[in-house]
């Protein structure tokens, strides 16, 4: 099962807190990440950025 990292960015665009979790696929990982609020964040799987949220937006 793939391992994902969810990075939370501060107001200057620097990485702050990070949370790691396993998910079956990107779609499930994105849904999990969306549960962490409407903040600026990036979801990564290995060296691949899966999704970026600019804050206040809902993923499609």
C-alpha atoms as a PDB file:
ATOM      1  CA  UNK A   1       0.000   0.000   0.000  1.00  0.00           C
ATOM      2  CA  UNK A   2       1.459   3.389  -0.977  1.00  0.00           C
ATOM      3  CA  UNK A   3       2.640   5.774   1.732  1.00  0.00           C
ATOM      4  CA  UNK A   4       1.635   9.443   1.482  1.00  0.00           C
ATOM      5  CA  UNK A   5       2.892  12.580   3.208  1.00  0.00           C
ATOM      6  CA  UNK A   6       0.681  15.596   3.756  1.00  0.00           C
ATOM      7  CA  UNK A   7       2.680  18.801   4.190  1.00  0.00           C
ATOM      8  CA  UNK A   8       1.133  21.925   5.672  1.00  0.00           C
ATOM      9  CA  UNK A   9       2.612  25.207   4.473  1.00  0.00           C
ATOM     10  CA  UNK A  10       2.915  28.431   6.454  1.00  0.00           C
ATOM     11  CA  UNK A  11       2.058  31.914   5.185  1.00  0.00           C
ATOM     12  CA  UNK A  12       5.485  32.206   3.558  1.00  0.00           C
ATOM     13  CA  UNK A  13       5.046  28.966   1.633  1.00  0.00           C
ATOM     14  CA  UNK A  14       7.461  26.976   3.778  1.00  0.00           C
ATOM     15  CA  UNK A  15       6.718  23.478   4.949  1.00  0.00           C
ATOM     16  CA  UNK A  16       5.649  23.266   8.563  1.00  0.00           C
ATOM     17  CA  UNK A  17       3.900  20.248   9.980  1.00  0.00           C
ATOM     18  CA  UNK A  18       3.827  16.931   8.111  1.00  0.00           C
ATOM     19  CA  UNK A  19       1.592  13.891   8.542  1.00  0.00           C
ATOM     20  CA  UNK A  20       2.188  10.510   6.961  1.00  0.00           C
ATOM     21  CA  UNK A  21      -0.347   7.810   6.202  1.00  0.00           C
ATOM     22  CA  UNK A  22      -0.955   4.822   3.952  1.00  0.00           C
ATOM     23  CA  UNK A  23      -3.795   4.725   1.438  1.00  0.00           C
ATOM     24  CA  UNK A  24      -4.870   2.309  -1.264  1.00  0.00           C
ATOM     25  CA  UNK A  25      -4.624   4.891  -4.064  1.00  0.00           C
ATOM     26  CA  UNK A  26      -4.433   8.619  -4.853  1.00  0.00           C
ATOM     27  CA  UNK A  27      -8.199   9.161  -4.746  1.00  0.00           C
ATOM     28  CA  UNK A  28      -8.474   7.749  -1.230  1.00  0.00           C
ATOM     29  CA  UNK A  29      -5.408   9.686  -0.088  1.00  0.00           C
ATOM     30  CA  UNK A  30      -6.877  12.930  -1.452  1.00  0.00           C
ATOM     31  CA  UNK A  31     -10.127  12.332   0.445  1.00  0.00           C
ATOM     32  CA  UNK A  32      -8.150  11.701   3.633  1.00  0.00           C
ATOM     33  CA  UNK A  33      -6.110  14.870   3.113  1.00  0.00           C
ATOM     34  CA  UNK A  34      -9.241  16.954   2.567  1.00  0.00           C
ATOM     35  CA  UNK A  35     -10.361  15.983   6.054  1.00  0.00           C
ATOM     36  CA  UNK A  36      -7.507  18.075   7.474  1.00  0.00           C
ATOM     37  CA  UNK A  37      -9.235  21.382   6.872  1.00  0.00           C
ATOM     38  CA  UNK A  38      -9.049  24.126   4.315  1.00  0.00           C
ATOM     39  CA  UNK A  39      -5.409  25.082   4.636  1.00  0.00           C
ATOM     40  CA  UNK A  40      -2.491  25.463   2.270  1.00  0.00           C
ATOM     41  CA  UNK A  41      -1.123  21.935   1.925  1.00  0.00           C
ATOM     42  CA  UNK A  42       0.497  19.494  -0.477  1.00  0.00           C
ATOM     43  CA  UNK A  43       0.035  15.746  -0.741  1.00  0.00           C
ATOM     44  CA  UNK A  44       3.052  13.701  -1.829  1.00  0.00           C
ATOM     45  CA  UNK A  45       3.670  10.037  -2.617  1.00  0.00           C
ATOM     46  CA  UNK A  46       7.405   9.416  -2.792  1.00  0.00           C
ATOM     47  CA  UNK A  47       8.864  12.091  -5.069  1.00  0.00           C
ATOM     48  CA  UNK A  48       5.546  12.773  -6.805  1.00  0.00           C
ATOM     49  CA  UNK A  49       3.259  15.634  -5.814  1.00  0.00           C
ATOM     50  CA  UNK A  50      -0.263  14.245  -5.941  1.00  0.00           C
ATOM     51  CA  UNK A  51      -2.247  17.411  -5.184  1.00  0.00           C
ATOM     52  CA  UNK A  52      -1.811  20.943  -3.909  1.00  0.00           C
ATOM     53  CA  UNK A  53      -4.445  22.995  -2.098  1.00  0.00           C
ATOM     54  CA  UNK A  54      -4.114  26.761  -1.982  1.00  0.00           C
ATOM     55  CA  UNK A  55      -6.276  27.113   1.121  1.00  0.00           C
ATOM     56  CA  UNK A  56     -10.005  27.651   1.271  1.00  0.00           C
ATOM     57  CA  UNK A  57     -10.605  25.530  -1.822  1.00  0.00           C
ATOM     58  CA  UNK A  58     -12.371  22.236  -2.145  1.00  0.00           C
ATOM     59  CA  UNK A  59     -10.831  19.595  -4.368  1.00  0.00           C
ATOM     60  CA  UNK A  60     -12.802  18.606  -7.431  1.00  0.00           C
END
